[in-house]
Amino acid sequence: MKTIEEIRKNKGISKVAVARHLGVSRPCYSRYENDPSTMRIETAKKVAEFLGVDVQDIFFISDRK
């Protein structure tokens, strides 16, 4: 499963663009990328919609080693 960052980068979308879409600062959005579990489900849905993926693809990530 890909991370939010990988999905965003593969689509050529900047952190600033996602942050603006959400109405949050870039550092706040960076925290979401680093730990998606900190997002409220409503925010995760907005991110998923903006990136064109299912919310499960970004909200329920597998354990990283």
PDB file of N, CA and C in Angstrom:
ATOM      1  N   MET A   1       0.837  -1.177   0.000  1.00  0.00           N
ATOM      2  CA  MET A   1       0.000   0.000   0.000  1.00  0.00           C
ATOM      3  C   MET A   1       0.886   1.245   0.000  1.00  0.00           C
ATOM      4  N   LYS A   2       0.519   2.209  -0.808  1.00  0.00           N
ATOM      5  CA  LYS A   2       1.309   3.438  -0.915  1.00  0.00           C
ATOM      6  C   LYS A   2       0.934   4.423   0.181  1.00  0.00           C
ATOM      7  N   THR A   3       1.884   5.269   0.510  1.00  0.00           N
ATOM      8  CA  THR A   3       1.621   6.329   1.482  1.00  0.00           C
ATOM      9  C   THR A   3       0.962   7.509   0.774  1.00  0.00           C
ATOM     10  N   ILE A   4       0.408   8.416   1.568  1.00  0.00           N
ATOM     11  CA  ILE A   4      -0.190   9.619   0.992  1.00  0.00           C
ATOM     12  C   ILE A   4       0.861  10.371   0.184  1.00  0.00           C
ATOM     13  N   GLU A   5       2.056  10.467   0.727  1.00  0.00           N
ATOM     14  CA  GLU A   5       3.127  11.188   0.042  1.00  0.00           C
ATOM     15  C   GLU A   5       3.429  10.556  -1.308  1.00  0.00           C
ATOM     16  N   GLU A   6       3.529   9.235  -1.360  1.00  0.00           N
ATOM     17  CA  GLU A   6       3.814   8.555  -2.627  1.00  0.00           C
ATOM     18  C   GLU A   6       2.707   8.808  -3.650  1.00  0.00           C
ATOM     19  N   ILE A   7       1.470   8.712  -3.203  1.00  0.00           N
ATOM     20  CA  ILE A   7       0.339   8.945  -4.108  1.00  0.00           C
ATOM     21  C   ILE A   7       0.377  10.378  -4.627  1.00  0.00           C
ATOM     22  N   ARG A   8       0.571  11.321  -3.711  1.00  0.00           N
ATOM     23  CA  ARG A   8       0.603  12.741  -4.089  1.00  0.00           C
ATOM     24  C   ARG A   8       1.718  13.016  -5.086  1.00  0.00           C
ATOM     25  N   LYS A   9       2.915  12.519  -4.797  1.00  0.00           N
ATOM     26  CA  LYS A   9       4.059  12.756  -5.681  1.00  0.00           C
ATOM     27  C   LYS A   9       3.853  12.105  -7.043  1.00  0.00           C
ATOM     28  N   ASN A  10       3.306  10.891  -7.064  1.00  0.00           N
ATOM     29  CA  ASN A  10       3.057  10.203  -8.338  1.00  0.00           C
ATOM     30  C   ASN A  10       2.088  10.973  -9.221  1.00  0.00           C
ATOM     31  N   LYS A  11       1.215  11.740  -8.611  1.00  0.00           N
ATOM     32  CA  LYS A  11       0.243  12.531  -9.358  1.00  0.00           C
ATOM     33  C   LYS A  11       0.753  13.938  -9.660  1.00  0.00           C
ATOM     34  N   GLY A  12       1.958  14.253  -9.176  1.00  0.00           N
ATOM     35  CA  GLY A  12       2.546  15.559  -9.452  1.00  0.00           C
ATOM     36  C   GLY A  12       1.868  16.695  -8.699  1.00  0.00           C
ATOM     37  N   ILE A  13       1.329  16.398  -7.533  1.00  0.00           N
ATOM     38  CA  ILE A  13       0.611  17.399  -6.740  1.00  0.00           C
ATOM     39  C   ILE A  13       1.501  17.836  -5.580  1.00  0.00           C
ATOM     40  N   SER A  14       1.553  19.124  -5.333  1.00  0.00           N
ATOM     41  CA  SER A  14       2.394  19.643  -4.250  1.00  0.00           C
ATOM     42  C   SER A  14       1.672  19.568  -2.910  1.00  0.00           C
ATOM     43  N   LYS A  15       2.467  19.596  -1.837  1.00  0.00           N
ATOM     44  CA  LYS A  15       1.899  19.650  -0.493  1.00  0.00           C
ATOM     45  C   LYS A  15       1.054  20.911  -0.332  1.00  0.00           C
ATOM     46  N   VAL A  16       1.538  22.001  -0.895  1.00  0.00           N
ATOM     47  CA  VAL A  16       0.824  23.277  -0.790  1.00  0.00           C
ATOM     48  C   VAL A  16      -0.564  23.167  -1.429  1.00  0.00           C
ATOM     49  N   ALA A  17      -0.666  22.505  -2.569  1.00  0.00           N
ATOM     50  CA  ALA A  17      -1.957  22.366  -3.244  1.00  0.00           C
ATOM     51  C   ALA A  17      -2.946  21.590  -2.379  1.00  0.00           C
ATOM     52  N   VAL A  18      -2.487  20.520  -1.773  1.00  0.00           N
ATOM     53  CA  VAL A  18      -3.389  19.727  -0.911  1.00  0.00           C
ATOM     54  C   VAL A  18      -3.759  20.535   0.323  1.00  0.00           C
ATOM     55  N   ALA A  19      -2.778  21.193   0.916  1.00  0.00           N
ATOM     56  CA  ALA A  19      -3.036  22.005   2.109  1.00  0.00           C
ATOM     57  C   ALA A  19      -4.067  23.089   1.799  1.00  0.00           C
ATOM     58  N   ARG A  20      -3.921  23.760   0.668  1.00  0.00           N
ATOM     59  CA  ARG A  20      -4.889  24.807   0.284  1.00  0.00           C
ATOM     60  C   ARG A  20      -6.283  24.226   0.108  1.00  0.00           C
ATOM     61  N   HIS A  21      -6.352  23.059  -0.526  1.00  0.00           N
ATOM     62  CA  HIS A  21      -7.648  22.397  -0.725  1.00  0.00           C
ATOM     63  C   HIS A  21      -8.317  22.107   0.622  1.00  0.00           C
ATOM     64  N   LEU A  22      -7.519  21.718   1.591  1.00  0.00           N
ATOM     65  CA  LEU A  22      -8.054  21.393   2.920  1.00  0.00           C
ATOM     66  C   LEU A  22      -8.288  22.629   3.781  1.00  0.00           C
ATOM     67  N   GLY A  23      -7.645  23.732   3.418  1.00  0.00           N
ATOM     68  CA  GLY A  23      -7.749  24.938   4.230  1.00  0.00           C
ATOM     69  C   GLY A  23      -6.878  24.884   5.472  1.00  0.00           C
ATOM     70  N   VAL A  24      -5.724  24.188   5.349  1.00  0.00           N
ATOM     71  CA  VAL A  24      -4.785  24.082   6.463  1.00  0.00           C
ATOM     72  C   VAL A  24      -3.415  24.560   5.997  1.00  0.00           C
ATOM     73  N   SER A  25      -2.505  24.732   6.942  1.00  0.00           N
ATOM     74  CA  SER A  25      -1.149  25.141   6.591  1.00  0.00           C
ATOM     75  C   SER A  25      -0.378  23.960   6.003  1.00  0.00           C
ATOM     76  N   ARG A  26       0.704  24.274   5.290  1.00  0.00           N
ATOM     77  CA  ARG A  26       1.530  23.198   4.750  1.00  0.00           C
ATOM     78  C   ARG A  26       2.127  22.335   5.864  1.00  0.00           C
ATOM     79  N   PRO A  27       2.620  22.939   6.975  1.00  0.00           N
ATOM     80  CA  PRO A  27       3.140  22.090   8.067  1.00  0.00           C
ATOM     81  C   PRO A  27       2.070  21.157   8.656  1.00  0.00           C
ATOM     82  N   CYS A  28       0.846  21.636   8.733  1.00  0.00           N
ATOM     83  CA  CYS A  28      -0.241  20.786   9.229  1.00  0.00           C
ATOM     84  C   CYS A  28      -0.452  19.615   8.276  1.00  0.00           C
ATOM     85  N   TYR A  29      -0.485  19.899   6.989  1.00  0.00           N
ATOM     86  CA  TYR A  29      -0.659  18.814   6.020  1.00  0.00           C
ATOM     87  C   TYR A  29       0.525  17.855   6.062  1.00  0.00           C
ATOM     88  N   SER A  30       1.722  18.366   6.272  1.00  0.00           N
ATOM     89  CA  SER A  30       2.902  17.500   6.383  1.00  0.00           C
ATOM     90  C   SER A  30       2.738  16.513   7.536  1.00  0.00           C
ATOM     91  N   ARG A  31       2.166  16.982   8.626  1.00  0.00           N
ATOM     92  CA  ARG A  31       1.917  16.083   9.764  1.00  0.00           C
ATOM     93  C   ARG A  31       0.949  14.980   9.366  1.00  0.00           C
ATOM     94  N   TYR A  32      -0.055  15.314   8.558  1.00  0.00           N
ATOM     95  CA  TYR A  32      -0.983  14.293   8.087  1.00  0.00           C
ATOM     96  C   TYR A  32      -0.272  13.244   7.244  1.00  0.00           C
ATOM     97  N   GLU A  33       0.645  13.684   6.396  1.00  0.00           N
ATOM     98  CA  GLU A  33       1.391  12.724   5.572  1.00  0.00           C
ATOM     99  C   GLU A  33       2.265  11.827   6.435  1.00  0.00           C
ATOM    100  N   ASN A  34       2.870  12.405   7.459  1.00  0.00           N
ATOM    101  CA  ASN A  34       3.749  11.630   8.334  1.00  0.00           C
ATOM    102  C   ASN A  34       2.982  10.660   9.222  1.00  0.00           C
ATOM    103  N   ASP A  35       1.760  11.020   9.583  1.00  0.00           N
ATOM    104  CA  ASP A  35       0.950  10.157  10.450  1.00  0.00           C
ATOM    105  C   ASP A  35      -0.524  10.327  10.092  1.00  0.00           C
ATOM    106  N   PRO A  36      -0.992   9.610   9.071  1.00  0.00           N
ATOM    107  CA  PRO A  36      -2.373   9.751   8.618  1.00  0.00           C
ATOM    108  C   PRO A  36      -3.406   9.483   9.714  1.00  0.00           C
ATOM    109  N   SER A  37      -3.031   8.744  10.743  1.00  0.00           N
ATOM    110  CA  SER A  37      -3.996   8.450  11.799  1.00  0.00           C
ATOM    111  C   SER A  37      -4.376   9.690  12.604  1.00  0.00           C
ATOM    112  N   THR A  38      -3.639  10.797  12.421  1.00  0.00           N
ATOM    113  CA  THR A  38      -3.975  12.034  13.124  1.00  0.00           C
ATOM    114  C   THR A  38      -5.096  12.810  12.438  1.00  0.00           C
ATOM    115  N   MET A  39      -5.445  12.402  11.214  1.00  0.00           N
ATOM    116  CA  MET A  39      -6.513  13.080  10.473  1.00  0.00           C
ATOM    117  C   MET A  39      -7.874  12.627  10.951  1.00  0.00           C
ATOM    118  N   ARG A  40      -8.784  13.561  10.964  1.00  0.00           N
ATOM    119  CA  ARG A  40     -10.183  13.193  11.177  1.00  0.00           C
ATOM    120  C   ARG A  40     -10.665  12.533   9.896  1.00  0.00           C
ATOM    121  N   ILE A  41     -11.667  11.693  10.011  1.00  0.00           N
ATOM    122  CA  ILE A  41     -12.147  10.961   8.838  1.00  0.00           C
ATOM    123  C   ILE A  41     -12.638  11.913   7.755  1.00  0.00           C
ATOM    124  N   GLU A  42     -13.228  13.036   8.146  1.00  0.00           N
ATOM    125  CA  GLU A  42     -13.688  14.011   7.157  1.00  0.00           C
ATOM    126  C   GLU A  42     -12.522  14.564   6.348  1.00  0.00           C
ATOM    127  N   THR A  43     -11.413  14.813   7.025  1.00  0.00           N
ATOM    128  CA  THR A  43     -10.214  15.312   6.348  1.00  0.00           C
ATOM    129  C   THR A  43      -9.650  14.248   5.425  1.00  0.00           C
ATOM    130  N   ALA A  44      -9.603  13.016   5.907  1.00  0.00           N
ATOM    131  CA  ALA A  44      -9.099  11.912   5.077  1.00  0.00           C
ATOM    132  C   ALA A  44      -9.930  11.767   3.807  1.00  0.00           C
ATOM    133  N   LYS A  45     -11.234  11.931   3.931  1.00  0.00           N
ATOM    134  CA  LYS A  45     -12.104  11.848   2.753  1.00  0.00           C
ATOM    135  C   LYS A  45     -11.790  12.956   1.757  1.00  0.00           C
ATOM    136  N   LYS A  46     -11.543  14.172   2.271  1.00  0.00           N
ATOM    137  CA  LYS A  46     -11.205  15.300   1.388  1.00  0.00           C
ATOM    138  C   LYS A  46      -9.872  15.065   0.687  1.00  0.00           C
ATOM    139  N   VAL A  47      -8.888  14.548   1.412  1.00  0.00           N
ATOM    140  CA  VAL A  47      -7.583  14.259   0.818  1.00  0.00           C
ATOM    141  C   VAL A  47      -7.743  13.190  -0.253  1.00  0.00           C
ATOM    142  N   ALA A  48      -8.456  12.125   0.060  1.00  0.00           N
ATOM    143  CA  ALA A  48      -8.659  11.031  -0.893  1.00  0.00           C
ATOM    144  C   ALA A  48      -9.351  11.529  -2.161  1.00  0.00           C
ATOM    145  N   GLU A  49     -10.382  12.336  -1.977  1.00  0.00           N
ATOM    146  CA  GLU A  49     -11.102  12.871  -3.142  1.00  0.00           C
ATOM    147  C   GLU A  49     -10.176  13.733  -4.001  1.00  0.00           C
ATOM    148  N   PHE A  50      -9.390  14.592  -3.352  1.00  0.00           N
ATOM    149  CA  PHE A  50      -8.482  15.477  -4.079  1.00  0.00           C
ATOM    150  C   PHE A  50      -7.423  14.680  -4.845  1.00  0.00           C
ATOM    151  N   LEU A  51      -6.945  13.593  -4.232  1.00  0.00           N
ATOM    152  CA  LEU A  51      -5.915  12.769  -4.873  1.00  0.00           C
ATOM    153  C   LEU A  51      -6.497  11.714  -5.812  1.00  0.00           C
ATOM    154  N   GLY A  52      -7.807  11.561  -5.797  1.00  0.00           N
ATOM    155  CA  GLY A  52      -8.451  10.596  -6.689  1.00  0.00           C
ATOM    156  C   GLY A  52      -8.247   9.151  -6.280  1.00  0.00           C
ATOM    157  N   VAL A  53      -8.258   8.893  -4.956  1.00  0.00           N
ATOM    158  CA  VAL A  53      -8.106   7.531  -4.446  1.00  0.00           C
ATOM    159  C   VAL A  53      -9.211   7.258  -3.429  1.00  0.00           C
ATOM    160  N   ASP A  54      -9.351   6.002  -3.036  1.00  0.00           N
ATOM    161  CA  ASP A  54     -10.296   5.650  -1.980  1.00  0.00           C
ATOM    162  C   ASP A  54      -9.713   6.034  -0.633  1.00  0.00           C
ATOM    163  N   VAL A  55     -10.576   6.422   0.272  1.00  0.00           N
ATOM    164  CA  VAL A  55     -10.110   6.844   1.593  1.00  0.00           C
ATOM    165  C   VAL A  55      -9.338   5.717   2.287  1.00  0.00           C
ATOM    166  N   GLN A  56      -9.708   4.469   2.065  1.00  0.00           N
ATOM    167  CA  GLN A  56      -9.000   3.338   2.662  1.00  0.00           C
ATOM    168  C   GLN A  56      -7.558   3.253   2.181  1.00  0.00           C
ATOM    169  N   ASP A  57      -7.305   3.771   0.989  1.00  0.00           N
ATOM    170  CA  ASP A  57      -5.950   3.733   0.433  1.00  0.00           C
ATOM    171  C   ASP A  57      -4.985   4.620   1.201  1.00  0.00           C
ATOM    172  N   ILE A  58      -5.502   5.635   1.865  1.00  0.00           N
ATOM    173  CA  ILE A  58      -4.618   6.539   2.583  1.00  0.00           C
ATOM    174  C   ILE A  58      -4.816   6.516   4.082  1.00  0.00           C
ATOM    175  N   PHE A  59      -6.006   6.162   4.528  1.00  0.00           N
ATOM    176  CA  PHE A  59      -6.298   6.264   5.950  1.00  0.00           C
ATOM    177  C   PHE A  59      -5.863   5.031   6.713  1.00  0.00           C
ATOM    178  N   PHE A  60      -5.978   3.881   6.119  1.00  0.00           N
ATOM    179  CA  PHE A  60      -5.589   2.630   6.775  1.00  0.00           C
ATOM    180  C   PHE A  60      -4.320   2.108   6.131  1.00  0.00           C
ATOM    181  N   ILE A  61      -3.188   2.641   6.592  1.00  0.00           N
ATOM    182  CA  ILE A  61      -1.926   2.215   5.999  1.00  0.00           C
ATOM    183  C   ILE A  61      -1.365   1.037   6.766  1.00  0.00           C
ATOM    184  N   SER A  62      -0.583   0.239   6.085  1.00  0.00           N
ATOM    185  CA  SER A  62       0.035  -0.908   6.731  1.00  0.00           C
ATOM    186  C   SER A  62       1.200  -0.454   7.576  1.00  0.00           C
ATOM    187  N   ASP A  63       1.623  -1.298   8.505  1.00  0.00           N
ATOM    188  CA  ASP A  63       2.773  -0.985   9.348  1.00  0.00           C
ATOM    189  C   ASP A  63       4.035  -0.882   8.497  1.00  0.00           C
ATOM    190  N   ARG A  64       4.793   0.157   8.756  1.00  0.00           N
ATOM    191  CA  ARG A  64       6.068   0.331   8.043  1.00  0.00           C
ATOM    192  C   ARG A  64       7.191  -0.175   8.934  1.00  0.00           C
ATOM    193  N   LYS A  65       8.165  -0.815   8.326  1.00  0.00           N
ATOM    194  CA  LYS A  65       9.298  -1.355   9.098  1.00  0.00           C
ATOM    195  C   LYS A  65      10.529  -0.548   8.875  1.00  0.00           C
TER     196      LYS A  65
END
